[in-house]
Amino acid sequence: MSRPGALLEHYYRELVNYVSLRIGSRHLAEDIAHDAYVRILERCDAVQIEHPRAFLYRTAQNLIIDGHRRNSVRRAEPLEVLEAEEGAWVAPPLASMAHDERLALLQRALGELNAPCRQCFLLRKLNGLSHPEIAERLGLSKAMVEKHIVNAMKHCRVRMREWEQR
């Protein structure tokens, strides 16, 4: 594959439409497409992907299947059981510390982004806004919002890897 970013931009809308038709939610489809791209980007560092479009679609399909499995397990468990398990589980101190460190690295990476890129990413990931909602709020085109979000994801992934290896 040539440049992973070019792949992302080229197939993004097509993938979102495909996933949206499968699951019936454009908003969830965008999340699945983002997750699929993150997995592709992580793979690109380790191996050359011969058929990136097929790999991307297969990854998205696997994410859809994983989501269905998680949802069917949640529906099968009574709420009381899930609440009891959640209340009994406490993260070990080292895991909590590692989580805090990763969060600090993510905040540091986000701080390196330009304001529109950071805003698009945070409005999507923290506020759960759709791409059209973000575009309207920030006065950007939907395509620019998509590019900002993908660029933010790539930047954060690369920087966090660099910092974690030190």
N, C-alpha and C. Protein backbone atom coordinates (compact mmCIF):
# COMPACT_ATOMS: atom_id res chain seq x y z
N MET A 1 0.86 -1.15 0.00
CA MET A 1 0.00 0.00 0.00
C MET A 1 0.90 1.22 0.00
N SER A 2 0.54 2.23 -0.73
CA SER A 2 1.38 3.41 -0.80
C SER A 2 1.33 4.19 0.50
N ARG A 3 0.48 5.15 0.62
CA ARG A 3 0.40 5.99 1.81
C ARG A 3 -0.92 5.69 2.51
N PRO A 4 -0.89 5.26 3.79
CA PRO A 4 -2.13 4.92 4.49
C PRO A 4 -3.15 6.04 4.49
N GLY A 5 -2.71 7.28 4.62
CA GLY A 5 -3.63 8.41 4.64
C GLY A 5 -4.43 8.52 3.35
N ALA A 6 -3.77 8.22 2.22
CA ALA A 6 -4.47 8.28 0.93
C ALA A 6 -5.57 7.23 0.88
N LEU A 7 -5.30 6.06 1.41
CA LEU A 7 -6.30 4.99 1.48
C LEU A 7 -7.49 5.45 2.30
N LEU A 8 -7.21 6.07 3.43
CA LEU A 8 -8.27 6.51 4.32
C LEU A 8 -9.20 7.50 3.62
N GLU A 9 -8.61 8.48 2.99
CA GLU A 9 -9.41 9.50 2.34
C GLU A 9 -10.18 8.93 1.15
N HIS A 10 -9.58 8.00 0.43
CA HIS A 10 -10.19 7.47 -0.77
C HIS A 10 -11.42 6.61 -0.48
N TYR A 11 -11.37 5.78 0.54
CA TYR A 11 -12.45 4.83 0.79
C TYR A 11 -13.38 5.21 1.94
N TYR A 12 -13.13 6.32 2.60
CA TYR A 12 -13.88 6.63 3.83
C TYR A 12 -15.40 6.67 3.60
N ARG A 13 -15.85 7.51 2.70
CA ARG A 13 -17.31 7.65 2.48
C ARG A 13 -17.93 6.35 2.01
N GLU A 14 -17.22 5.68 1.12
CA GLU A 14 -17.70 4.40 0.60
C GLU A 14 -17.89 3.39 1.75
N LEU A 15 -16.92 3.33 2.65
CA LEU A 15 -16.99 2.40 3.77
C LEU A 15 -18.12 2.78 4.73
N VAL A 16 -18.27 4.06 5.02
CA VAL A 16 -19.34 4.51 5.92
C VAL A 16 -20.70 4.14 5.31
N ASN A 17 -20.87 4.35 4.02
CA ASN A 17 -22.14 3.98 3.37
C ASN A 17 -22.40 2.49 3.46
N TYR A 18 -21.38 1.70 3.22
CA TYR A 18 -21.49 0.24 3.29
C TYR A 18 -21.91 -0.21 4.70
N VAL A 19 -21.21 0.29 5.71
CA VAL A 19 -21.49 -0.11 7.09
C VAL A 19 -22.86 0.41 7.51
N SER A 20 -23.19 1.62 7.10
CA SER A 20 -24.49 2.21 7.45
C SER A 20 -25.64 1.35 6.92
N LEU A 21 -25.50 0.85 5.72
CA LEU A 21 -26.54 -0.02 5.16
C LEU A 21 -26.66 -1.33 5.95
N ARG A 22 -25.55 -1.82 6.46
CA ARG A 22 -25.54 -3.07 7.22
C ARG A 22 -26.17 -2.92 8.60
N ILE A 23 -25.89 -1.79 9.27
CA ILE A 23 -26.32 -1.67 10.66
C ILE A 23 -27.46 -0.68 10.87
N GLY A 24 -27.74 0.14 9.86
CA GLY A 24 -28.87 1.05 9.94
C GLY A 24 -28.63 2.32 10.73
N SER A 25 -27.38 2.66 11.00
CA SER A 25 -27.07 3.88 11.75
C SER A 25 -25.83 4.54 11.15
N ARG A 26 -26.02 5.72 10.62
CA ARG A 26 -24.89 6.46 10.03
C ARG A 26 -23.87 6.83 11.11
N HIS A 27 -24.37 7.23 12.26
CA HIS A 27 -23.49 7.63 13.37
C HIS A 27 -22.59 6.46 13.81
N LEU A 28 -23.18 5.29 14.03
CA LEU A 28 -22.39 4.11 14.40
C LEU A 28 -21.47 3.68 13.26
N ALA A 29 -21.94 3.85 12.03
CA ALA A 29 -21.12 3.48 10.87
C ALA A 29 -19.84 4.32 10.83
N GLU A 30 -19.95 5.60 11.16
CA GLU A 30 -18.76 6.45 11.19
C GLU A 30 -17.78 5.98 12.26
N ASP A 31 -18.31 5.57 13.42
CA ASP A 31 -17.44 5.06 14.48
C ASP A 31 -16.73 3.78 14.04
N ILE A 32 -17.47 2.89 13.41
CA ILE A 32 -16.88 1.62 12.95
C ILE A 32 -15.83 1.90 11.87
N ALA A 33 -16.11 2.82 10.97
CA ALA A 33 -15.13 3.18 9.94
C ALA A 33 -13.86 3.74 10.57
N HIS A 34 -14.02 4.60 11.58
CA HIS A 34 -12.84 5.14 12.27
C HIS A 34 -12.04 4.01 12.91
N ASP A 35 -12.73 3.10 13.60
CA ASP A 35 -12.04 2.00 14.25
C ASP A 35 -11.32 1.11 13.24
N ALA A 36 -11.96 0.87 12.10
CA ALA A 36 -11.33 0.06 11.06
C ALA A 36 -10.07 0.74 10.55
N TYR A 37 -10.12 2.05 10.35
CA TYR A 37 -8.95 2.78 9.90
C TYR A 37 -7.82 2.74 10.92
N VAL A 38 -8.16 2.84 12.18
CA VAL A 38 -7.13 2.77 13.22
C VAL A 38 -6.44 1.41 13.15
N ARG A 39 -7.22 0.35 12.98
CA ARG A 39 -6.61 -0.99 12.89
C ARG A 39 -5.73 -1.11 11.65
N ILE A 40 -6.17 -0.54 10.55
CA ILE A 40 -5.36 -0.56 9.32
C ILE A 40 -4.05 0.19 9.56
N LEU A 41 -4.15 1.36 10.17
CA LEU A 41 -2.95 2.15 10.42
C LEU A 41 -1.98 1.40 11.33
N GLU A 42 -2.51 0.70 12.31
CA GLU A 42 -1.64 -0.07 13.21
C GLU A 42 -0.97 -1.21 12.46
N ARG A 43 -1.70 -1.84 11.54
CA ARG A 43 -1.14 -2.94 10.76
C ARG A 43 -0.08 -2.46 9.78
N CYS A 44 -0.28 -1.26 9.23
CA CYS A 44 0.63 -0.73 8.20
C CYS A 44 2.05 -0.62 8.71
N ASP A 45 2.19 -0.38 10.00
CA ASP A 45 3.54 -0.26 10.55
C ASP A 45 4.26 -1.60 10.56
N ALA A 46 3.51 -2.68 10.71
CA ALA A 46 4.11 -3.99 10.87
C ALA A 46 4.24 -4.76 9.55
N VAL A 47 3.24 -4.70 8.70
CA VAL A 47 3.25 -5.50 7.47
C VAL A 47 2.68 -4.70 6.30
N GLN A 48 3.04 -5.13 5.12
CA GLN A 48 2.50 -4.56 3.89
C GLN A 48 1.16 -5.24 3.60
N ILE A 49 0.13 -4.48 3.39
CA ILE A 49 -1.20 -5.03 3.10
C ILE A 49 -1.37 -5.04 1.59
N GLU A 50 -1.56 -6.25 1.03
CA GLU A 50 -1.63 -6.39 -0.43
C GLU A 50 -2.92 -5.82 -1.02
N HIS A 51 -4.04 -6.07 -0.36
CA HIS A 51 -5.34 -5.62 -0.86
C HIS A 51 -6.00 -4.74 0.21
N PRO A 52 -5.59 -3.48 0.29
CA PRO A 52 -6.04 -2.63 1.39
C PRO A 52 -7.56 -2.43 1.45
N ARG A 53 -8.20 -2.30 0.29
CA ARG A 53 -9.65 -2.09 0.31
C ARG A 53 -10.36 -3.32 0.87
N ALA A 54 -9.97 -4.49 0.44
CA ALA A 54 -10.58 -5.72 0.95
C ALA A 54 -10.30 -5.88 2.44
N PHE A 55 -9.08 -5.57 2.84
CA PHE A 55 -8.71 -5.67 4.26
C PHE A 55 -9.55 -4.70 5.09
N LEU A 56 -9.73 -3.49 4.57
CA LEU A 56 -10.52 -2.48 5.26
C LEU A 56 -11.97 -2.94 5.44
N TYR A 57 -12.57 -3.46 4.39
CA TYR A 57 -13.95 -3.93 4.47
C TYR A 57 -14.08 -5.13 5.41
N ARG A 58 -13.11 -6.03 5.35
CA ARG A 58 -13.14 -7.20 6.23
C ARG A 58 -13.01 -6.76 7.68
N THR A 59 -12.14 -5.80 7.94
CA THR A 59 -11.98 -5.28 9.29
C THR A 59 -13.28 -4.66 9.79
N ALA A 60 -13.92 -3.87 8.94
CA ALA A 60 -15.20 -3.25 9.33
C ALA A 60 -16.25 -4.32 9.60
N GLN A 61 -16.30 -5.34 8.75
CA GLN A 61 -17.26 -6.43 8.95
C GLN A 61 -17.00 -7.14 10.28
N ASN A 62 -15.74 -7.37 10.60
CA ASN A 62 -15.40 -8.01 11.87
C ASN A 62 -15.81 -7.14 13.06
N LEU A 63 -15.66 -5.84 12.93
CA LEU A 63 -16.08 -4.93 13.99
C LEU A 63 -17.60 -4.96 14.18
N ILE A 64 -18.33 -5.07 13.09
CA ILE A 64 -19.79 -5.19 13.16
C ILE A 64 -20.16 -6.47 13.90
N ILE A 65 -19.52 -7.56 13.54
CA ILE A 65 -19.79 -8.86 14.18
C ILE A 65 -19.44 -8.80 15.67
N ASP A 66 -18.28 -8.21 16.00
CA ASP A 66 -17.89 -8.07 17.41
C ASP A 66 -18.92 -7.27 18.18
N GLY A 67 -19.43 -6.22 17.57
CA GLY A 67 -20.44 -5.39 18.21
C GLY A 67 -21.72 -6.16 18.48
N HIS A 68 -22.14 -6.97 17.51
CA HIS A 68 -23.34 -7.80 17.70
C HIS A 68 -23.12 -8.80 18.82
N ARG A 69 -21.94 -9.39 18.87
CA ARG A 69 -21.65 -10.36 19.94
C ARG A 69 -21.70 -9.70 21.31
N ARG A 70 -21.05 -8.53 21.43
CA ARG A 70 -21.07 -7.82 22.72
C ARG A 70 -22.49 -7.46 23.13
N ASN A 71 -23.28 -6.99 22.16
CA ASN A 71 -24.66 -6.60 22.48
C ASN A 71 -25.51 -7.79 22.86
N SER A 72 -25.30 -8.94 22.23
CA SER A 72 -26.11 -10.12 22.57
C SER A 72 -25.73 -10.63 23.96
N VAL A 73 -24.46 -10.52 24.34
CA VAL A 73 -24.05 -10.93 25.68
C VAL A 73 -24.66 -9.99 26.71
N ARG A 74 -24.64 -8.69 26.44
CA ARG A 74 -25.21 -7.71 27.37
C ARG A 74 -26.70 -7.95 27.57
N ARG A 75 -27.41 -8.28 26.48
CA ARG A 75 -28.85 -8.51 26.60
C ARG A 75 -29.15 -9.77 27.38
N ALA A 76 -28.23 -10.75 27.34
CA ALA A 76 -28.46 -12.02 28.01
C ALA A 76 -28.25 -11.90 29.52
N GLU A 77 -27.42 -10.96 29.96
CA GLU A 77 -27.13 -10.80 31.39
C GLU A 77 -28.15 -9.88 32.04
N PRO A 78 -28.71 -10.28 33.19
CA PRO A 78 -29.58 -9.37 33.91
C PRO A 78 -28.80 -8.15 34.38
N LEU A 79 -29.45 -7.01 34.45
CA LEU A 79 -28.81 -5.77 34.83
C LEU A 79 -28.16 -5.86 36.20
N GLU A 80 -28.79 -6.56 37.13
CA GLU A 80 -28.24 -6.67 38.48
C GLU A 80 -26.87 -7.36 38.46
N VAL A 81 -26.71 -8.37 37.62
CA VAL A 81 -25.44 -9.10 37.53
C VAL A 81 -24.36 -8.17 36.99
N LEU A 82 -24.69 -7.43 35.93
CA LEU A 82 -23.71 -6.53 35.35
C LEU A 82 -23.30 -5.44 36.34
N GLU A 83 -24.27 -4.88 37.06
CA GLU A 83 -23.95 -3.85 38.04
C GLU A 83 -23.10 -4.40 39.17
N ALA A 84 -23.40 -5.63 39.63
CA ALA A 84 -22.64 -6.24 40.72
C ALA A 84 -21.20 -6.50 40.28
N GLU A 85 -21.02 -7.00 39.06
CA GLU A 85 -19.68 -7.26 38.55
C GLU A 85 -18.89 -5.97 38.42
N GLU A 86 -19.55 -4.92 37.93
CA GLU A 86 -18.87 -3.64 37.75
C GLU A 86 -18.46 -3.05 39.09
N GLY A 87 -19.33 -3.17 40.10
CA GLY A 87 -19.02 -2.63 41.41
C GLY A 87 -17.92 -3.38 42.11
N ALA A 88 -17.80 -4.68 41.86
CA ALA A 88 -16.79 -5.50 42.53
C ALA A 88 -15.41 -5.35 41.89
N TRP A 89 -15.37 -4.94 40.65
CA TRP A 89 -14.09 -4.86 39.96
C TRP A 89 -13.44 -3.51 40.22
N VAL A 90 -12.24 -3.54 40.70
CA VAL A 90 -11.46 -2.33 40.91
C VAL A 90 -10.14 -2.51 40.18
N ALA A 91 -9.77 -1.52 39.39
CA ALA A 91 -8.53 -1.63 38.63
C ALA A 91 -7.34 -1.69 39.57
N PRO A 92 -6.40 -2.61 39.32
CA PRO A 92 -5.20 -2.66 40.13
C PRO A 92 -4.44 -1.34 39.99
N PRO A 93 -3.69 -0.95 41.02
CA PRO A 93 -2.99 0.35 40.97
C PRO A 93 -2.09 0.52 39.76
N LEU A 94 -1.38 -0.53 39.35
CA LEU A 94 -0.49 -0.39 38.20
C LEU A 94 -1.27 -0.16 36.92
N ALA A 95 -2.41 -0.86 36.78
CA ALA A 95 -3.22 -0.67 35.58
C ALA A 95 -3.78 0.75 35.56
N SER A 96 -4.18 1.24 36.71
CA SER A 96 -4.71 2.60 36.80
C SER A 96 -3.62 3.61 36.46
N MET A 97 -2.42 3.36 36.94
CA MET A 97 -1.30 4.26 36.66
C MET A 97 -0.98 4.25 35.16
N ALA A 98 -0.97 3.06 34.56
CA ALA A 98 -0.69 2.95 33.13
C ALA A 98 -1.77 3.69 32.34
N HIS A 99 -3.01 3.56 32.77
CA HIS A 99 -4.11 4.26 32.11
C HIS A 99 -3.92 5.77 32.20
N ASP A 100 -3.56 6.24 33.39
CA ASP A 100 -3.33 7.68 33.58
C ASP A 100 -2.19 8.18 32.70
N GLU A 101 -1.14 7.38 32.59
CA GLU A 101 0.01 7.76 31.76
C GLU A 101 -0.39 7.85 30.29
N ARG A 102 -1.16 6.86 29.83
CA ARG A 102 -1.62 6.88 28.43
C ARG A 102 -2.53 8.07 28.17
N LEU A 103 -3.38 8.37 29.13
CA LEU A 103 -4.26 9.52 29.00
C LEU A 103 -3.45 10.81 28.92
N ALA A 104 -2.40 10.91 29.72
CA ALA A 104 -1.53 12.09 29.67
C ALA A 104 -0.84 12.20 28.31
N LEU A 105 -0.41 11.06 27.75
CA LEU A 105 0.22 11.07 26.43
C LEU A 105 -0.78 11.50 25.36
N LEU A 106 -2.00 11.01 25.48
CA LEU A 106 -3.04 11.38 24.52
C LEU A 106 -3.31 12.89 24.60
N GLN A 107 -3.41 13.42 25.80
CA GLN A 107 -3.64 14.86 25.95
C GLN A 107 -2.47 15.65 25.36
N ARG A 108 -1.26 15.17 25.56
CA ARG A 108 -0.07 15.82 25.02
C ARG A 108 -0.12 15.81 23.48
N ALA A 109 -0.49 14.66 22.90
CA ALA A 109 -0.57 14.55 21.44
C ALA A 109 -1.67 15.47 20.90
N LEU A 110 -2.81 15.50 21.58
CA LEU A 110 -3.89 16.38 21.15
C LEU A 110 -3.47 17.85 21.22
N GLY A 111 -2.65 18.17 22.20
CA GLY A 111 -2.15 19.53 22.33
C GLY A 111 -1.28 19.99 21.17
N GLU A 112 -0.72 19.03 20.44
CA GLU A 112 0.13 19.36 19.29
C GLU A 112 -0.69 19.65 18.03
N LEU A 113 -1.96 19.30 18.04
CA LEU A 113 -2.80 19.49 16.86
C LEU A 113 -3.23 20.95 16.74
N ASN A 114 -3.53 21.36 15.50
CA ASN A 114 -4.10 22.70 15.35
C ASN A 114 -5.53 22.68 15.91
N ALA A 115 -6.03 23.85 16.23
CA ALA A 115 -7.32 23.95 16.93
C ALA A 115 -8.48 23.28 16.18
N PRO A 116 -8.67 23.52 14.87
CA PRO A 116 -9.82 22.87 14.21
C PRO A 116 -9.73 21.35 14.21
N CYS A 117 -8.53 20.83 14.03
CA CYS A 117 -8.33 19.37 14.02
C CYS A 117 -8.68 18.80 15.40
N ARG A 118 -8.16 19.41 16.44
CA ARG A 118 -8.42 18.97 17.81
C ARG A 118 -9.91 19.08 18.15
N GLN A 119 -10.54 20.19 17.75
CA GLN A 119 -11.96 20.39 18.04
C GLN A 119 -12.81 19.33 17.37
N CYS A 120 -12.54 19.04 16.12
CA CYS A 120 -13.32 18.02 15.39
C CYS A 120 -13.20 16.67 16.09
N PHE A 121 -11.97 16.30 16.44
CA PHE A 121 -11.73 15.02 17.10
C PHE A 121 -12.48 14.95 18.43
N LEU A 122 -12.36 15.98 19.25
CA LEU A 122 -12.99 15.97 20.57
C LEU A 122 -14.51 16.02 20.48
N LEU A 123 -15.05 16.79 19.55
CA LEU A 123 -16.51 16.83 19.39
C LEU A 123 -17.06 15.48 18.97
N ARG A 124 -16.28 14.75 18.17
CA ARG A 124 -16.71 13.42 17.73
C ARG A 124 -16.57 12.39 18.85
N LYS A 125 -15.38 12.32 19.42
CA LYS A 125 -15.08 11.25 20.37
C LYS A 125 -15.62 11.50 21.77
N LEU A 126 -15.65 12.74 22.22
CA LEU A 126 -16.14 13.02 23.57
C LEU A 126 -17.61 13.40 23.60
N ASN A 127 -18.04 14.20 22.63
CA ASN A 127 -19.43 14.66 22.62
C ASN A 127 -20.34 13.78 21.77
N GLY A 128 -19.75 12.92 20.94
CA GLY A 128 -20.54 12.00 20.12
C GLY A 128 -21.29 12.68 18.98
N LEU A 129 -20.84 13.86 18.57
CA LEU A 129 -21.52 14.55 17.48
C LEU A 129 -21.21 13.86 16.15
N SER A 130 -22.16 13.93 15.24
CA SER A 130 -21.95 13.37 13.90
C SER A 130 -21.11 14.35 13.08
N HIS A 131 -20.61 13.89 11.96
CA HIS A 131 -19.80 14.75 11.10
C HIS A 131 -20.60 15.97 10.63
N PRO A 132 -21.85 15.81 10.18
CA PRO A 132 -22.61 17.00 9.78
C PRO A 132 -22.83 17.98 10.95
N GLU A 133 -23.05 17.46 12.15
CA GLU A 133 -23.23 18.34 13.31
C GLU A 133 -21.95 19.12 13.61
N ILE A 134 -20.82 18.45 13.52
CA ILE A 134 -19.54 19.12 13.75
C ILE A 134 -19.29 20.17 12.67
N ALA A 135 -19.57 19.80 11.42
CA ALA A 135 -19.37 20.73 10.30
C ALA A 135 -20.20 21.99 10.51
N GLU A 136 -21.44 21.82 10.91
CA GLU A 136 -22.31 22.96 11.13
C GLU A 136 -21.82 23.82 12.30
N ARG A 137 -21.45 23.16 13.37
CA ARG A 137 -21.01 23.89 14.57
C ARG A 137 -19.74 24.70 14.31
N LEU A 138 -18.80 24.12 13.54
CA LEU A 138 -17.51 24.77 13.32
C LEU A 138 -17.42 25.55 12.01
N GLY A 139 -18.49 25.47 11.18
CA GLY A 139 -18.47 26.17 9.90
C GLY A 139 -17.50 25.57 8.90
N LEU A 140 -17.38 24.24 8.93
CA LEU A 140 -16.49 23.52 8.01
C LEU A 140 -17.31 22.63 7.10
N SER A 141 -16.69 22.15 6.03
CA SER A 141 -17.36 21.16 5.19
C SER A 141 -17.28 19.80 5.89
N LYS A 142 -18.19 18.91 5.55
CA LYS A 142 -18.20 17.57 6.14
C LYS A 142 -16.90 16.84 5.78
N ALA A 143 -16.43 17.03 4.55
CA ALA A 143 -15.18 16.38 4.12
C ALA A 143 -14.00 16.86 4.96
N MET A 144 -13.98 18.15 5.29
CA MET A 144 -12.89 18.68 6.10
C MET A 144 -12.95 18.11 7.51
N VAL A 145 -14.16 17.96 8.04
CA VAL A 145 -14.32 17.36 9.37
C VAL A 145 -13.77 15.94 9.35
N GLU A 146 -14.11 15.17 8.34
CA GLU A 146 -13.62 13.79 8.23
C GLU A 146 -12.10 13.76 8.17
N LYS A 147 -11.50 14.64 7.39
CA LYS A 147 -10.04 14.69 7.27
C LYS A 147 -9.40 15.05 8.61
N HIS A 148 -9.98 16.03 9.29
CA HIS A 148 -9.44 16.43 10.59
C HIS A 148 -9.47 15.26 11.58
N ILE A 149 -10.57 14.54 11.61
CA ILE A 149 -10.70 13.44 12.57
C ILE A 149 -9.69 12.33 12.25
N VAL A 150 -9.59 11.97 11.00
CA VAL A 150 -8.63 10.92 10.60
C VAL A 150 -7.21 11.38 10.89
N ASN A 151 -6.89 12.64 10.58
CA ASN A 151 -5.54 13.15 10.84
C ASN A 151 -5.24 13.17 12.33
N ALA A 152 -6.22 13.54 13.14
CA ALA A 152 -6.02 13.54 14.60
C ALA A 152 -5.74 12.13 15.10
N MET A 153 -6.51 11.16 14.60
CA MET A 153 -6.31 9.77 15.02
C MET A 153 -4.91 9.30 14.64
N LYS A 154 -4.49 9.59 13.42
CA LYS A 154 -3.16 9.17 12.98
C LYS A 154 -2.08 9.83 13.82
N HIS A 155 -2.20 11.12 14.03
CA HIS A 155 -1.20 11.86 14.79
C HIS A 155 -1.07 11.31 16.21
N CYS A 156 -2.21 11.12 16.87
CA CYS A 156 -2.18 10.63 18.26
C CYS A 156 -1.57 9.24 18.33
N ARG A 157 -1.93 8.39 17.40
CA ARG A 157 -1.39 7.02 17.40
C ARG A 157 0.12 7.04 17.22
N VAL A 158 0.60 7.81 16.26
CA VAL A 158 2.04 7.87 15.99
C VAL A 158 2.79 8.45 17.19
N ARG A 159 2.32 9.56 17.71
CA ARG A 159 3.02 10.22 18.82
C ARG A 159 3.02 9.35 20.08
N MET A 160 1.90 8.73 20.39
CA MET A 160 1.85 7.89 21.58
C MET A 160 2.79 6.71 21.46
N ARG A 161 2.89 6.13 20.27
CA ARG A 161 3.84 5.04 20.06
C ARG A 161 5.27 5.51 20.27
N GLU A 162 5.58 6.68 19.71
CA GLU A 162 6.93 7.23 19.87
C GLU A 162 7.25 7.41 21.35
N TRP A 163 6.35 8.01 22.08
CA TRP A 163 6.59 8.33 23.49
C TRP A 163 6.62 7.08 24.35
N GLU A 164 5.81 6.08 24.03
CA GLU A 164 5.78 4.86 24.83
C GLU A 164 7.04 4.03 24.64
N GLN A 165 7.71 4.18 23.51
CA GLN A 165 8.92 3.40 23.24
C GLN A 165 10.14 3.99 23.94
N ARG A 166 10.03 5.17 24.47
CA ARG A 166 11.17 5.80 25.16
C ARG A 166 11.36 5.25 26.53
